[in-house]
Amino acid sequence: MENIMVNQSKYVSSDFPEATYQVAFEDLKKKILVGHQEIIQGKVSSLADARKEFGLD
C-alpha cells in the first residue's frame, strides 16, 4: 500500500458559525489530525492485534 501525503487540514472544516459549535469542532479537528499523524508514524495498533489481545477473535 502506497503512503500518499495529503493536507488533512484542507479536508476538515465546519460550516457552523456558532461559537459553541466552533470550539467543539476545533477540539475535534485537533484530535483527528493528531490521530492521523499517529497512524502515519505507525504509533497505533492494528485492529487484528487489538482483537487478539482482548480475545475477540
PDB file of N, CA and C in Angstrom:
ATOM      1  N   MET A   1       0.847  -1.180   0.000  1.00  0.00           N
ATOM      2  CA  MET A   1       0.000   0.000   0.000  1.00  0.00           C
ATOM      3  C   MET A   1       0.889   1.239   0.000  1.00  0.00           C
ATOM      4  N   GLU A   2       0.589   2.145  -0.874  1.00  0.00           N
ATOM      5  CA  GLU A   2       1.405   3.349  -1.029  1.00  0.00           C
ATOM      6  C   GLU A   2       0.937   4.433  -0.066  1.00  0.00           C
ATOM      7  N   ASN A   3       1.901   5.064   0.623  1.00  0.00           N
ATOM      8  CA  ASN A   3       1.583   6.189   1.507  1.00  0.00           C
ATOM      9  C   ASN A   3       1.521   7.461   0.682  1.00  0.00           C
ATOM     10  N   ILE A   4       0.372   8.083   0.651  1.00  0.00           N
ATOM     11  CA  ILE A   4       0.202   9.339  -0.076  1.00  0.00           C
ATOM     12  C   ILE A   4      -0.061  10.431   0.945  1.00  0.00           C
ATOM     13  N   MET A   5       0.776  11.456   0.928  1.00  0.00           N
ATOM     14  CA  MET A   5       0.626  12.557   1.881  1.00  0.00           C
ATOM     15  C   MET A   5      -0.431  13.534   1.360  1.00  0.00           C
ATOM     16  N   VAL A   6      -1.386  13.863   2.211  1.00  0.00           N
ATOM     17  CA  VAL A   6      -2.409  14.847   1.870  1.00  0.00           C
ATOM     18  C   VAL A   6      -2.452  15.909   2.950  1.00  0.00           C
ATOM     19  N   ASN A   7      -2.924  17.054   2.596  1.00  0.00           N
ATOM     20  CA  ASN A   7      -3.100  18.131   3.568  1.00  0.00           C
ATOM     21  C   ASN A   7      -4.427  17.890   4.274  1.00  0.00           C
ATOM     22  N   GLN A   8      -4.359  17.273   5.463  1.00  0.00           N
ATOM     23  CA  GLN A   8      -5.570  16.903   6.185  1.00  0.00           C
ATOM     24  C   GLN A   8      -6.399  18.120   6.556  1.00  0.00           C
ATOM     25  N   SER A   9      -5.764  19.228   6.872  1.00  0.00           N
ATOM     26  CA  SER A   9      -6.484  20.438   7.278  1.00  0.00           C
ATOM     27  C   SER A   9      -7.429  20.913   6.179  1.00  0.00           C
ATOM     28  N   LYS A  10      -7.079  20.667   4.949  1.00  0.00           N
ATOM     29  CA  LYS A  10      -7.884  21.085   3.811  1.00  0.00           C
ATOM     30  C   LYS A  10      -9.237  20.371   3.794  1.00  0.00           C
ATOM     31  N   TYR A  11      -9.282  19.147   4.312  1.00  0.00           N
ATOM     32  CA  TYR A  11     -10.499  18.347   4.251  1.00  0.00           C
ATOM     33  C   TYR A  11     -11.313  18.376   5.537  1.00  0.00           C
ATOM     34  N   VAL A  12     -10.820  19.029   6.573  1.00  0.00           N
ATOM     35  CA  VAL A  12     -11.529  19.106   7.849  1.00  0.00           C
ATOM     36  C   VAL A  12     -11.988  20.544   8.035  1.00  0.00           C
ATOM     37  N   SER A  13     -13.283  20.772   7.858  1.00  0.00           N
ATOM     38  CA  SER A  13     -13.809  22.126   8.000  1.00  0.00           C
ATOM     39  C   SER A  13     -15.209  22.074   8.603  1.00  0.00           C
ATOM     40  N   SER A  14     -15.695  23.222   9.041  1.00  0.00           N
ATOM     41  CA  SER A  14     -17.015  23.308   9.662  1.00  0.00           C
ATOM     42  C   SER A  14     -17.811  24.437   9.037  1.00  0.00           C
ATOM     43  N   ASP A  15     -19.105  24.199   8.875  1.00  0.00           N
ATOM     44  CA  ASP A  15     -19.999  25.232   8.359  1.00  0.00           C
ATOM     45  C   ASP A  15     -20.759  25.934   9.478  1.00  0.00           C
ATOM     46  N   PHE A  16     -20.562  25.525  10.727  1.00  0.00           N
ATOM     47  CA  PHE A  16     -21.298  26.092  11.850  1.00  0.00           C
ATOM     48  C   PHE A  16     -20.666  27.404  12.307  1.00  0.00           C
ATOM     49  N   PRO A  17     -21.417  28.507  12.290  1.00  0.00           N
ATOM     50  CA  PRO A  17     -20.867  29.789  12.724  1.00  0.00           C
ATOM     51  C   PRO A  17     -20.913  29.986  14.237  1.00  0.00           C
ATOM     52  N   GLU A  18     -21.764  29.239  14.939  1.00  0.00           N
ATOM     53  CA  GLU A  18     -21.930  29.440  16.371  1.00  0.00           C
ATOM     54  C   GLU A  18     -20.634  29.135  17.112  1.00  0.00           C
ATOM     55  N   ALA A  19     -20.296  29.982  18.073  1.00  0.00           N
ATOM     56  CA  ALA A  19     -19.039  29.841  18.820  1.00  0.00           C
ATOM     57  C   ALA A  19     -18.965  28.508  19.555  1.00  0.00           C
ATOM     58  N   THR A  20     -20.078  28.058  20.140  1.00  0.00           N
ATOM     59  CA  THR A  20     -20.075  26.798  20.883  1.00  0.00           C
ATOM     60  C   THR A  20     -19.697  25.641  19.975  1.00  0.00           C
ATOM     61  N   TYR A  21     -20.317  25.604  18.801  1.00  0.00           N
ATOM     62  CA  TYR A  21     -20.010  24.541  17.860  1.00  0.00           C
ATOM     63  C   TYR A  21     -18.581  24.665  17.349  1.00  0.00           C
ATOM     64  N   GLN A  22     -18.144  25.899  17.118  1.00  0.00           N
ATOM     65  CA  GLN A  22     -16.806  26.118  16.572  1.00  0.00           C
ATOM     66  C   GLN A  22     -15.733  25.651  17.542  1.00  0.00           C
ATOM     67  N   VAL A  23     -15.902  25.916  18.843  1.00  0.00           N
ATOM     68  CA  VAL A  23     -14.929  25.475  19.849  1.00  0.00           C
ATOM     69  C   VAL A  23     -14.879  23.957  19.888  1.00  0.00           C
ATOM     70  N   ALA A  24     -16.045  23.314  19.905  1.00  0.00           N
ATOM     71  CA  ALA A  24     -16.093  21.847  19.917  1.00  0.00           C
ATOM     72  C   ALA A  24     -15.488  21.290  18.641  1.00  0.00           C
ATOM     73  N   PHE A  25     -15.773  21.931  17.511  1.00  0.00           N
ATOM     74  CA  PHE A  25     -15.231  21.474  16.241  1.00  0.00           C
ATOM     75  C   PHE A  25     -13.712  21.590  16.207  1.00  0.00           C
ATOM     76  N   GLU A  26     -13.166  22.699  16.695  1.00  0.00           N
ATOM     77  CA  GLU A  26     -11.711  22.878  16.697  1.00  0.00           C
ATOM     78  C   GLU A  26     -11.031  21.806  17.549  1.00  0.00           C
ATOM     79  N   ASP A  27     -11.642  21.447  18.683  1.00  0.00           N
ATOM     80  CA  ASP A  27     -11.102  20.386  19.536  1.00  0.00           C
ATOM     81  C   ASP A  27     -11.126  19.050  18.802  1.00  0.00           C
ATOM     82  N   LEU A  28     -12.239  18.747  18.149  1.00  0.00           N
ATOM     83  CA  LEU A  28     -12.354  17.504  17.390  1.00  0.00           C
ATOM     84  C   LEU A  28     -11.358  17.481  16.239  1.00  0.00           C
ATOM     85  N   LYS A  29     -11.204  18.602  15.561  1.00  0.00           N
ATOM     86  CA  LYS A  29     -10.271  18.707  14.437  1.00  0.00           C
ATOM     87  C   LYS A  29      -8.844  18.394  14.895  1.00  0.00           C
ATOM     88  N   LYS A  30      -8.445  18.930  16.059  1.00  0.00           N
ATOM     89  CA  LYS A  30      -7.106  18.663  16.589  1.00  0.00           C
ATOM     90  C   LYS A  30      -6.919  17.178  16.853  1.00  0.00           C
ATOM     91  N   LYS A  31      -7.936  16.547  17.440  1.00  0.00           N
ATOM     92  CA  LYS A  31      -7.846  15.117  17.741  1.00  0.00           C
ATOM     93  C   LYS A  31      -7.745  14.286  16.471  1.00  0.00           C
ATOM     94  N   ILE A  32      -8.504  14.653  15.450  1.00  0.00           N
ATOM     95  CA  ILE A  32      -8.445  13.936  14.175  1.00  0.00           C
ATOM     96  C   ILE A  32      -7.062  14.067  13.556  1.00  0.00           C
ATOM     97  N   LEU A  33      -6.517  15.276  13.541  1.00  0.00           N
ATOM     98  CA  LEU A  33      -5.213  15.500  12.923  1.00  0.00           C
ATOM     99  C   LEU A  33      -4.098  14.793  13.690  1.00  0.00           C
ATOM    100  N   VAL A  34      -4.178  14.779  15.030  1.00  0.00           N
ATOM    101  CA  VAL A  34      -3.189  14.062  15.841  1.00  0.00           C
ATOM    102  C   VAL A  34      -3.291  12.567  15.554  1.00  0.00           C
ATOM    103  N   GLY A  35      -4.510  12.054  15.498  1.00  0.00           N
ATOM    104  CA  GLY A  35      -4.708  10.638  15.198  1.00  0.00           C
ATOM    105  C   GLY A  35      -4.173  10.269  13.833  1.00  0.00           C
ATOM    106  N   HIS A  36      -4.381  11.135  12.854  1.00  0.00           N
ATOM    107  CA  HIS A  36      -3.872  10.873  11.508  1.00  0.00           C
ATOM    108  C   HIS A  36      -2.345  10.806  11.512  1.00  0.00           C
ATOM    109  N   GLN A  37      -1.714  11.713  12.237  1.00  0.00           N
ATOM    110  CA  GLN A  37      -0.252  11.699  12.332  1.00  0.00           C
ATOM    111  C   GLN A  37       0.240  10.423  13.011  1.00  0.00           C
ATOM    112  N   GLU A  38      -0.466   9.960  14.052  1.00  0.00           N
ATOM    113  CA  GLU A  38      -0.076   8.733  14.744  1.00  0.00           C
ATOM    114  C   GLU A  38      -0.192   7.531  13.816  1.00  0.00           C
ATOM    115  N   ILE A  39      -1.209   7.514  12.970  1.00  0.00           N
ATOM    116  CA  ILE A  39      -1.352   6.425  12.001  1.00  0.00           C
ATOM    117  C   ILE A  39      -0.183   6.442  11.027  1.00  0.00           C
ATOM    118  N   ILE A  40       0.138   7.610  10.497  1.00  0.00           N
ATOM    119  CA  ILE A  40       1.252   7.735   9.545  1.00  0.00           C
ATOM    120  C   ILE A  40       2.565   7.283  10.180  1.00  0.00           C
ATOM    121  N   GLN A  41       2.769   7.609  11.461  1.00  0.00           N
ATOM    122  CA  GLN A  41       4.012   7.273  12.152  1.00  0.00           C
ATOM    123  C   GLN A  41       4.017   5.843  12.687  1.00  0.00           C
ATOM    124  N   GLY A  42       2.938   5.110  12.505  1.00  0.00           N
ATOM    125  CA  GLY A  42       2.876   3.726  12.961  1.00  0.00           C
ATOM    126  C   GLY A  42       2.744   3.583  14.463  1.00  0.00           C
ATOM    127  N   LYS A  43       2.171   4.568  15.130  1.00  0.00           N
ATOM    128  CA  LYS A  43       2.051   4.549  16.589  1.00  0.00           C
ATOM    129  C   LYS A  43       0.749   3.911  17.066  1.00  0.00           C
ATOM    130  N   VAL A  44       0.002   3.294  16.181  1.00  0.00           N
ATOM    131  CA  VAL A  44      -1.272   2.687  16.565  1.00  0.00           C
ATOM    132  C   VAL A  44      -1.219   1.185  16.324  1.00  0.00           C
ATOM    133  N   SER A  45      -2.031   0.458  17.053  1.00  0.00           N
ATOM    134  CA  SER A  45      -2.115  -0.990  16.892  1.00  0.00           C
ATOM    135  C   SER A  45      -3.139  -1.318  15.814  1.00  0.00           C
ATOM    136  N   SER A  46      -2.913  -2.418  15.138  1.00  0.00           N
ATOM    137  CA  SER A  46      -3.898  -2.839  14.147  1.00  0.00           C
ATOM    138  C   SER A  46      -5.123  -3.389  14.862  1.00  0.00           C
ATOM    139  N   LEU A  47      -6.243  -3.357  14.190  1.00  0.00           N
ATOM    140  CA  LEU A  47      -7.475  -3.887  14.766  1.00  0.00           C
ATOM    141  C   LEU A  47      -7.319  -5.373  15.063  1.00  0.00           C
ATOM    142  N   ALA A  48      -6.650  -6.108  14.183  1.00  0.00           N
ATOM    143  CA  ALA A  48      -6.444  -7.542  14.394  1.00  0.00           C
ATOM    144  C   ALA A  48      -5.650  -7.796  15.671  1.00  0.00           C
ATOM    145  N   ASP A  49      -4.614  -6.991  15.925  1.00  0.00           N
ATOM    146  CA  ASP A  49      -3.816  -7.151  17.150  1.00  0.00           C
ATOM    147  C   ASP A  49      -4.643  -6.841  18.390  1.00  0.00           C
ATOM    148  N   ALA A  50      -5.457  -5.801  18.338  1.00  0.00           N
ATOM    149  CA  ALA A  50      -6.292  -5.436  19.484  1.00  0.00           C
ATOM    150  C   ALA A  50      -7.331  -6.518  19.760  1.00  0.00           C
ATOM    151  N   ARG A  51      -7.939  -7.050  18.707  1.00  0.00           N
ATOM    152  CA  ARG A  51      -8.928  -8.119  18.887  1.00  0.00           C
ATOM    153  C   ARG A  51      -8.281  -9.351  19.504  1.00  0.00           C
ATOM    154  N   LYS A  52      -7.077  -9.676  19.051  1.00  0.00           N
ATOM    155  CA  LYS A  52      -6.368 -10.840  19.584  1.00  0.00           C
ATOM    156  C   LYS A  52      -6.030 -10.625  21.063  1.00  0.00           C
ATOM    157  N   GLU A  53      -5.562  -9.422  21.404  1.00  0.00           N
ATOM    158  CA  GLU A  53      -5.184  -9.109  22.786  1.00  0.00           C
ATOM    159  C   GLU A  53      -6.357  -9.262  23.748  1.00  0.00           C
ATOM    160  N   PHE A  54      -7.550  -8.892  23.297  1.00  0.00           N
ATOM    161  CA  PHE A  54      -8.724  -8.956  24.164  1.00  0.00           C
ATOM    162  C   PHE A  54      -9.565 -10.215  23.949  1.00  0.00           C
ATOM    163  N   GLY A  55      -9.027 -11.162  23.175  1.00  0.00           N
ATOM    164  CA  GLY A  55      -9.719 -12.427  22.965  1.00  0.00           C
ATOM    165  C   GLY A  55     -11.010 -12.300  22.181  1.00  0.00           C
ATOM    166  N   LEU A  56     -11.049 -11.404  21.225  1.00  0.00           N
ATOM    167  CA  LEU A  56     -12.265 -11.181  20.447  1.00  0.00           C
ATOM    168  C   LEU A  56     -12.212 -11.823  19.072  1.00  0.00           C
ATOM    169  N   ASP A  57     -11.267 -12.695  18.849  1.00  0.00           N
ATOM    170  CA  ASP A  57     -11.166 -13.372  17.542  1.00  0.00           C
ATOM    171  C   ASP A  57     -12.230 -14.412  17.370  1.00  0.00           C
TER     172      ASP A  57
END
